[in-house]
Amino acid sequence: MPYGLTAMRLARILGFHYAAIGQSHFGSLIDIILGSFRFAVNAHTRNQAEKLTTAGHLLSLLRRLFLRNAAVVLVK
């Protein structure tokens, strides 16, 4: 077992997963990216003028992550 002093045979274990601090960073990053994109889309589709500045800034930060057609520019 991890960090144990003695070895122990695990005869009935089909799979073993070892979790460590720091392994959930990718999931947290995806959660932040999708939440930011959702905020921006909702601000534009619900016509919330007070949130459009923030939404535009978020989309400008996220635009490199999404595929797009070079002829169509959504965020300037």
PDB file of N, CA and C in Angstrom:
ATOM      1  N   MET A   1       0.843  -1.177   0.000  1.00  0.00           N
ATOM      2  CA  MET A   1       0.000   0.000   0.000  1.00  0.00           C
ATOM      3  C   MET A   1       0.893   1.246   0.000  1.00  0.00           C
ATOM      4  N   PRO A   2       0.426   2.323  -0.595  1.00  0.00           N
ATOM      5  CA  PRO A   2       1.231   3.548  -0.625  1.00  0.00           C
ATOM      6  C   PRO A   2       1.534   4.057   0.789  1.00  0.00           C
ATOM      7  N   TYR A   3       2.736   4.472   0.995  1.00  0.00           N
ATOM      8  CA  TYR A   3       3.213   5.037   2.255  1.00  0.00           C
ATOM      9  C   TYR A   3       3.146   4.049   3.423  1.00  0.00           C
ATOM     10  N   GLY A   4       2.939   2.786   3.132  1.00  0.00           N
ATOM     11  CA  GLY A   4       2.897   1.773   4.190  1.00  0.00           C
ATOM     12  C   GLY A   4       4.259   1.135   4.396  1.00  0.00           C
ATOM     13  N   LEU A   5       4.471   0.637   5.583  1.00  0.00           N
ATOM     14  CA  LEU A   5       5.746  -0.009   5.877  1.00  0.00           C
ATOM     15  C   LEU A   5       5.725  -1.493   5.543  1.00  0.00           C
ATOM     16  N   THR A   6       4.541  -2.085   5.482  1.00  0.00           N
ATOM     17  CA  THR A   6       4.438  -3.510   5.198  1.00  0.00           C
ATOM     18  C   THR A   6       3.770  -3.729   3.850  1.00  0.00           C
ATOM     19  N   ALA A   7       4.156  -4.813   3.199  1.00  0.00           N
ATOM     20  CA  ALA A   7       3.538  -5.191   1.926  1.00  0.00           C
ATOM     21  C   ALA A   7       2.330  -6.068   2.210  1.00  0.00           C
ATOM     22  N   MET A   8       1.314  -5.940   1.396  1.00  0.00           N
ATOM     23  CA  MET A   8       0.076  -6.666   1.625  1.00  0.00           C
ATOM     24  C   MET A   8      -0.471  -7.105   0.270  1.00  0.00           C
ATOM     25  N   ARG A   9      -0.744  -8.378   0.110  1.00  0.00           N
ATOM     26  CA  ARG A   9      -1.272  -8.877  -1.159  1.00  0.00           C
ATOM     27  C   ARG A   9      -2.772  -8.633  -1.203  1.00  0.00           C
ATOM     28  N   LEU A  10      -3.241  -8.066  -2.316  1.00  0.00           N
ATOM     29  CA  LEU A  10      -4.656  -7.754  -2.502  1.00  0.00           C
ATOM     30  C   LEU A  10      -5.234  -8.748  -3.505  1.00  0.00           C
ATOM     31  N   ALA A  11      -5.649  -9.897  -3.030  1.00  0.00           N
ATOM     32  CA  ALA A  11      -6.084 -10.988  -3.901  1.00  0.00           C
ATOM     33  C   ALA A  11      -7.459 -10.739  -4.528  1.00  0.00           C
ATOM     34  N   ARG A  12      -8.342 -10.030  -3.862  1.00  0.00           N
ATOM     35  CA  ARG A  12      -9.712  -9.876  -4.366  1.00  0.00           C
ATOM     36  C   ARG A  12      -9.978  -8.512  -4.995  1.00  0.00           C
ATOM     37  N   ILE A  13      -8.970  -7.725  -5.184  1.00  0.00           N
ATOM     38  CA  ILE A  13      -9.122  -6.398  -5.782  1.00  0.00           C
ATOM     39  C   ILE A  13      -8.971  -6.537  -7.300  1.00  0.00           C
ATOM     40  N   LEU A  14      -9.994  -6.095  -8.039  1.00  0.00           N
ATOM     41  CA  LEU A  14      -9.947  -6.168  -9.500  1.00  0.00           C
ATOM     42  C   LEU A  14      -9.200  -4.982 -10.102  1.00  0.00           C
ATOM     43  N   GLY A  15      -9.345  -3.825  -9.495  1.00  0.00           N
ATOM     44  CA  GLY A  15      -8.661  -2.631  -9.976  1.00  0.00           C
ATOM     45  C   GLY A  15      -8.216  -1.800  -8.794  1.00  0.00           C
ATOM     46  N   PHE A  16      -7.154  -1.096  -8.957  1.00  0.00           N
ATOM     47  CA  PHE A  16      -6.627  -0.292  -7.867  1.00  0.00           C
ATOM     48  C   PHE A  16      -6.341   1.097  -8.403  1.00  0.00           C
ATOM     49  N   HIS A  17      -6.888   2.101  -7.757  1.00  0.00           N
ATOM     50  CA  HIS A  17      -6.672   3.477  -8.167  1.00  0.00           C
ATOM     51  C   HIS A  17      -6.012   4.229  -7.031  1.00  0.00           C
ATOM     52  N   TYR A  18      -4.959   4.910  -7.341  1.00  0.00           N
ATOM     53  CA  TYR A  18      -4.238   5.692  -6.345  1.00  0.00           C
ATOM     54  C   TYR A  18      -4.474   7.168  -6.653  1.00  0.00           C
ATOM     55  N   ALA A  19      -5.074   7.884  -5.736  1.00  0.00           N
ATOM     56  CA  ALA A  19      -5.331   9.310  -5.914  1.00  0.00           C
ATOM     57  C   ALA A  19      -4.318  10.114  -5.108  1.00  0.00           C
ATOM     58  N   ALA A  20      -3.912  11.207  -5.680  1.00  0.00           N
ATOM     59  CA  ALA A  20      -2.940  12.061  -5.001  1.00  0.00           C
ATOM     60  C   ALA A  20      -3.392  13.508  -5.091  1.00  0.00           C
ATOM     61  N   ILE A  21      -2.836  14.320  -4.245  1.00  0.00           N
ATOM     62  CA  ILE A  21      -3.146  15.739  -4.275  1.00  0.00           C
ATOM     63  C   ILE A  21      -2.656  16.320  -5.596  1.00  0.00           C
ATOM     64  N   GLY A  22      -3.515  17.073  -6.249  1.00  0.00           N
ATOM     65  CA  GLY A  22      -3.132  17.718  -7.495  1.00  0.00           C
ATOM     66  C   GLY A  22      -3.644  17.038  -8.741  1.00  0.00           C
ATOM     67  N   GLN A  23      -4.264  15.880  -8.628  1.00  0.00           N
ATOM     68  CA  GLN A  23      -4.735  15.176  -9.820  1.00  0.00           C
ATOM     69  C   GLN A  23      -6.050  15.716 -10.348  1.00  0.00           C
ATOM     70  N   SER A  24      -6.757  16.508  -9.577  1.00  0.00           N
ATOM     71  CA  SER A  24      -8.055  17.004 -10.030  1.00  0.00           C
ATOM     72  C   SER A  24      -7.952  18.378 -10.682  1.00  0.00           C
ATOM     73  N   HIS A  25      -6.755  18.863 -10.947  1.00  0.00           N
ATOM     74  CA  HIS A  25      -6.615  20.194 -11.529  1.00  0.00           C
ATOM     75  C   HIS A  25      -7.225  20.287 -12.921  1.00  0.00           C
ATOM     76  N   PHE A  26      -7.099  19.255 -13.727  1.00  0.00           N
ATOM     77  CA  PHE A  26      -7.648  19.300 -15.085  1.00  0.00           C
ATOM     78  C   PHE A  26      -9.166  19.413 -15.052  1.00  0.00           C
ATOM     79  N   GLY A  27      -9.809  18.648 -14.177  1.00  0.00           N
ATOM     80  CA  GLY A  27     -11.263  18.735 -14.049  1.00  0.00           C
ATOM     81  C   GLY A  27     -11.711  20.114 -13.594  1.00  0.00           C
ATOM     82  N   SER A  28     -10.979  20.710 -12.672  1.00  0.00           N
ATOM     83  CA  SER A  28     -11.296  22.058 -12.204  1.00  0.00           C
ATOM     84  C   SER A  28     -11.114  23.081 -13.325  1.00  0.00           C
ATOM     85  N   LEU A  29     -10.083  22.914 -14.119  1.00  0.00           N
ATOM     86  CA  LEU A  29      -9.840  23.824 -15.230  1.00  0.00           C
ATOM     87  C   LEU A  29     -10.968  23.755 -16.255  1.00  0.00           C
ATOM     88  N   ILE A  30     -11.406  22.558 -16.591  1.00  0.00           N
ATOM     89  CA  ILE A  30     -12.509  22.397 -17.538  1.00  0.00           C
ATOM     90  C   ILE A  30     -13.789  23.009 -16.980  1.00  0.00           C
ATOM     91  N   ASP A  31     -14.025  22.848 -15.685  1.00  0.00           N
ATOM     92  CA  ASP A  31     -15.200  23.432 -15.040  1.00  0.00           C
ATOM     93  C   ASP A  31     -15.180  24.957 -15.149  1.00  0.00           C
ATOM     94  N   ILE A  32     -14.038  25.571 -14.945  1.00  0.00           N
ATOM     95  CA  ILE A  32     -13.911  27.024 -15.047  1.00  0.00           C
ATOM     96  C   ILE A  32     -14.113  27.484 -16.489  1.00  0.00           C
ATOM     97  N   ILE A  33     -13.529  26.763 -17.444  1.00  0.00           N
ATOM     98  CA  ILE A  33     -13.664  27.140 -18.854  1.00  0.00           C
ATOM     99  C   ILE A  33     -15.116  27.047 -19.311  1.00  0.00           C
ATOM    100  N   LEU A  34     -15.774  25.940 -18.997  1.00  0.00           N
ATOM    101  CA  LEU A  34     -17.173  25.785 -19.419  1.00  0.00           C
ATOM    102  C   LEU A  34     -18.088  26.772 -18.709  1.00  0.00           C
ATOM    103  N   GLY A  35     -17.823  27.042 -17.439  1.00  0.00           N
ATOM    104  CA  GLY A  35     -18.623  28.021 -16.711  1.00  0.00           C
ATOM    105  C   GLY A  35     -18.470  29.421 -17.283  1.00  0.00           C
ATOM    106  N   SER A  36     -17.254  29.776 -17.679  1.00  0.00           N
ATOM    107  CA  SER A  36     -17.012  31.088 -18.286  1.00  0.00           C
ATOM    108  C   SER A  36     -17.700  31.199 -19.635  1.00  0.00           C
ATOM    109  N   PHE A  37     -17.617  30.131 -20.420  1.00  0.00           N
ATOM    110  CA  PHE A  37     -18.282  30.131 -21.727  1.00  0.00           C
ATOM    111  C   PHE A  37     -19.798  30.222 -21.567  1.00  0.00           C
ATOM    112  N   ARG A  38     -20.347  29.485 -20.597  1.00  0.00           N
ATOM    113  CA  ARG A  38     -21.792  29.537 -20.333  1.00  0.00           C
ATOM    114  C   ARG A  38     -22.224  30.938 -19.917  1.00  0.00           C
ATOM    115  N   PHE A  39     -21.440  31.585 -19.051  1.00  0.00           N
ATOM    116  CA  PHE A  39     -21.742  32.946 -18.627  1.00  0.00           C
ATOM    117  C   PHE A  39     -21.793  33.893 -19.823  1.00  0.00           C
ATOM    118  N   ALA A  40     -20.786  33.784 -20.701  1.00  0.00           N
ATOM    119  CA  ALA A  40     -20.723  34.667 -21.861  1.00  0.00           C
ATOM    120  C   ALA A  40     -21.880  34.430 -22.823  1.00  0.00           C
ATOM    121  N   VAL A  41     -22.190  33.176 -23.089  1.00  0.00           N
ATOM    122  CA  VAL A  41     -23.297  32.866 -24.002  1.00  0.00           C
ATOM    123  C   VAL A  41     -24.624  33.343 -23.411  1.00  0.00           C
ATOM    124  N   ASN A  42     -24.833  33.108 -22.126  1.00  0.00           N
ATOM    125  CA  ASN A  42     -26.069  33.571 -21.489  1.00  0.00           C
ATOM    126  C   ASN A  42     -26.183  35.090 -21.510  1.00  0.00           C
ATOM    127  N   ALA A  43     -25.093  35.804 -21.301  1.00  0.00           N
ATOM    128  CA  ALA A  43     -25.125  37.264 -21.325  1.00  0.00           C
ATOM    129  C   ALA A  43     -25.525  37.774 -22.705  1.00  0.00           C
ATOM    130  N   HIS A  44     -25.017  37.118 -23.756  1.00  0.00           N
ATOM    131  CA  HIS A  44     -25.347  37.552 -25.118  1.00  0.00           C
ATOM    132  C   HIS A  44     -26.755  37.149 -25.519  1.00  0.00           C
ATOM    133  N   THR A  45     -27.184  35.944 -25.191  1.00  0.00           N
ATOM    134  CA  THR A  45     -28.499  35.481 -25.640  1.00  0.00           C
ATOM    135  C   THR A  45     -29.642  36.056 -24.812  1.00  0.00           C
ATOM    136  N   ARG A  46     -29.379  36.424 -23.577  1.00  0.00           N
ATOM    137  CA  ARG A  46     -30.424  37.013 -22.722  1.00  0.00           C
ATOM    138  C   ARG A  46     -30.406  38.534 -22.759  1.00  0.00           C
ATOM    139  N   ASN A  47     -29.509  39.087 -23.582  1.00  0.00           N
ATOM    140  CA  ASN A  47     -29.406  40.531 -23.771  1.00  0.00           C
ATOM    141  C   ASN A  47     -29.213  41.265 -22.443  1.00  0.00           C
ATOM    142  N   GLN A  48     -28.269  40.790 -21.645  1.00  0.00           N
ATOM    143  CA  GLN A  48     -27.957  41.396 -20.352  1.00  0.00           C
ATOM    144  C   GLN A  48     -26.819  42.393 -20.555  1.00  0.00           C
ATOM    145  N   ALA A  49     -27.169  43.649 -20.774  1.00  0.00           N
ATOM    146  CA  ALA A  49     -26.196  44.681 -21.139  1.00  0.00           C
ATOM    147  C   ALA A  49     -25.134  44.881 -20.068  1.00  0.00           C
ATOM    148  N   GLU A  50     -25.489  44.720 -18.804  1.00  0.00           N
ATOM    149  CA  GLU A  50     -24.519  44.944 -17.726  1.00  0.00           C
ATOM    150  C   GLU A  50     -23.432  43.883 -17.675  1.00  0.00           C
ATOM    151  N   LYS A  51     -23.650  42.756 -18.336  1.00  0.00           N
ATOM    152  CA  LYS A  51     -22.676  41.666 -18.327  1.00  0.00           C
ATOM    153  C   LYS A  51     -21.913  41.514 -19.638  1.00  0.00           C
ATOM    154  N   LEU A  52     -22.231  42.331 -20.620  1.00  0.00           N
ATOM    155  CA  LEU A  52     -21.629  42.165 -21.943  1.00  0.00           C
ATOM    156  C   LEU A  52     -20.135  42.486 -21.958  1.00  0.00           C
ATOM    157  N   THR A  53     -19.690  43.435 -21.170  1.00  0.00           N
ATOM    158  CA  THR A  53     -18.262  43.754 -21.124  1.00  0.00           C
ATOM    159  C   THR A  53     -17.467  42.573 -20.582  1.00  0.00           C
ATOM    160  N   THR A  54     -17.953  42.007 -19.471  1.00  0.00           N
ATOM    161  CA  THR A  54     -17.288  40.847 -18.885  1.00  0.00           C
ATOM    162  C   THR A  54     -17.349  39.658 -19.831  1.00  0.00           C
ATOM    163  N   ALA A  55     -18.512  39.455 -20.474  1.00  0.00           N
ATOM    164  CA  ALA A  55     -18.673  38.341 -21.405  1.00  0.00           C
ATOM    165  C   ALA A  55     -17.710  38.465 -22.580  1.00  0.00           C
ATOM    166  N   GLY A  56     -17.553  39.656 -23.115  1.00  0.00           N
ATOM    167  CA  GLY A  56     -16.620  39.867 -24.220  1.00  0.00           C
ATOM    168  C   GLY A  56     -15.181  39.600 -23.810  1.00  0.00           C
ATOM    169  N   HIS A  57     -14.825  40.008 -22.605  1.00  0.00           N
ATOM    170  CA  HIS A  57     -13.465  39.759 -22.118  1.00  0.00           C
ATOM    171  C   HIS A  57     -13.232  38.253 -21.931  1.00  0.00           C
ATOM    172  N   LEU A  58     -14.211  37.550 -21.365  1.00  0.00           N
ATOM    173  CA  LEU A  58     -14.083  36.100 -21.183  1.00  0.00           C
ATOM    174  C   LEU A  58     -13.942  35.385 -22.523  1.00  0.00           C
ATOM    175  N   LEU A  59     -14.751  35.785 -23.497  1.00  0.00           N
ATOM    176  CA  LEU A  59     -14.659  35.153 -24.812  1.00  0.00           C
ATOM    177  C   LEU A  59     -13.318  35.440 -25.488  1.00  0.00           C
ATOM    178  N   SER A  60     -12.774  36.627 -25.269  1.00  0.00           N
ATOM    179  CA  SER A  60     -11.466  36.918 -25.861  1.00  0.00           C
ATOM    180  C   SER A  60     -10.372  36.057 -25.229  1.00  0.00           C
ATOM    181  N   LEU A  61     -10.535  35.706 -23.945  1.00  0.00           N
ATOM    182  CA  LEU A  61      -9.565  34.823 -23.292  1.00  0.00           C
ATOM    183  C   LEU A  61      -9.723  33.375 -23.740  1.00  0.00           C
ATOM    184  N   LEU A  62     -10.958  32.985 -24.036  1.00  0.00           N
ATOM    185  CA  LEU A  62     -11.250  31.588 -24.385  1.00  0.00           C
ATOM    186  C   LEU A  62     -11.160  31.297 -25.876  1.00  0.00           C
ATOM    187  N   ARG A  63     -11.063  32.300 -26.710  1.00  0.00           N
ATOM    188  CA  ARG A  63     -11.202  32.073 -28.157  1.00  0.00           C
ATOM    189  C   ARG A  63     -10.136  31.170 -28.750  1.00  0.00           C
ATOM    190  N   ARG A  64      -8.971  31.094 -28.142  1.00  0.00           N
ATOM    191  CA  ARG A  64      -7.917  30.217 -28.675  1.00  0.00           C
ATOM    192  C   ARG A  64      -8.208  28.739 -28.425  1.00  0.00           C
ATOM    193  N   LEU A  65      -9.152  28.447 -27.523  1.00  0.00           N
ATOM    194  CA  LEU A  65      -9.465  27.062 -27.196  1.00  0.00           C
ATOM    195  C   LEU A  65     -10.493  26.437 -28.137  1.00  0.00           C
ATOM    196  N   PHE A  66     -11.204  27.250 -28.896  1.00  0.00           N
ATOM    197  CA  PHE A  66     -12.298  26.759 -29.730  1.00  0.00           C
ATOM    198  C   PHE A  66     -11.939  26.857 -31.203  1.00  0.00           C
ATOM    199  N   LEU A  67     -12.351  25.849 -31.976  1.00  0.00           N
ATOM    200  CA  LEU A  67     -12.141  25.867 -33.421  1.00  0.00           C
ATOM    201  C   LEU A  67     -13.098  26.868 -34.040  1.00  0.00           C
ATOM    202  N   ARG A  68     -12.640  27.538 -35.070  1.00  0.00           N
ATOM    203  CA  ARG A  68     -13.499  28.503 -35.738  1.00  0.00           C
ATOM    204  C   ARG A  68     -13.052  28.658 -37.191  1.00  0.00           C
ATOM    205  N   ASN A  69     -13.953  29.125 -37.997  1.00  0.00           N
ATOM    206  CA  ASN A  69     -13.674  29.394 -39.394  1.00  0.00           C
ATOM    207  C   ASN A  69     -12.938  30.729 -39.463  1.00  0.00           C
ATOM    208  N   ALA A  70     -11.880  30.806 -40.216  1.00  0.00           N
ATOM    209  CA  ALA A  70     -11.082  32.034 -40.294  1.00  0.00           C
ATOM    210  C   ALA A  70     -11.863  33.191 -40.884  1.00  0.00           C
ATOM    211  N   ALA A  71     -12.881  32.915 -41.698  1.00  0.00           N
ATOM    212  CA  ALA A  71     -13.663  33.985 -42.318  1.00  0.00           C
ATOM    213  C   ALA A  71     -14.682  34.593 -41.360  1.00  0.00           C
ATOM    214  N   VAL A  72     -15.003  33.887 -40.291  1.00  0.00           N
ATOM    215  CA  VAL A  72     -16.003  34.365 -39.340  1.00  0.00           C
ATOM    216  C   VAL A  72     -15.294  34.770 -38.054  1.00  0.00           C
ATOM    217  N   VAL A  73     -15.423  36.024 -37.675  1.00  0.00           N
ATOM    218  CA  VAL A  73     -14.812  36.514 -36.447  1.00  0.00           C
ATOM    219  C   VAL A  73     -15.945  36.840 -35.476  1.00  0.00           C
ATOM    220  N   LEU A  74     -16.030  36.075 -34.376  1.00  0.00           N
ATOM    221  CA  LEU A  74     -17.105  36.285 -33.407  1.00  0.00           C
ATOM    222  C   LEU A  74     -16.721  37.315 -32.347  1.00  0.00           C
ATOM    223  N   VAL A  75     -15.448  37.355 -31.976  1.00  0.00           N
ATOM    224  CA  VAL A  75     -14.983  38.253 -30.928  1.00  0.00           C
ATOM    225  C   VAL A  75     -13.836  39.067 -31.491  1.00  0.00           C
ATOM    226  N   LYS A  76     -13.944  40.375 -31.377  1.00  0.00           N
ATOM    227  CA  LYS A  76     -12.880  41.239 -31.883  1.00  0.00           C
ATOM    228  C   LYS A  76     -12.022  41.721 -30.754  1.00  0.00           C
TER     229      LYS A  76
END
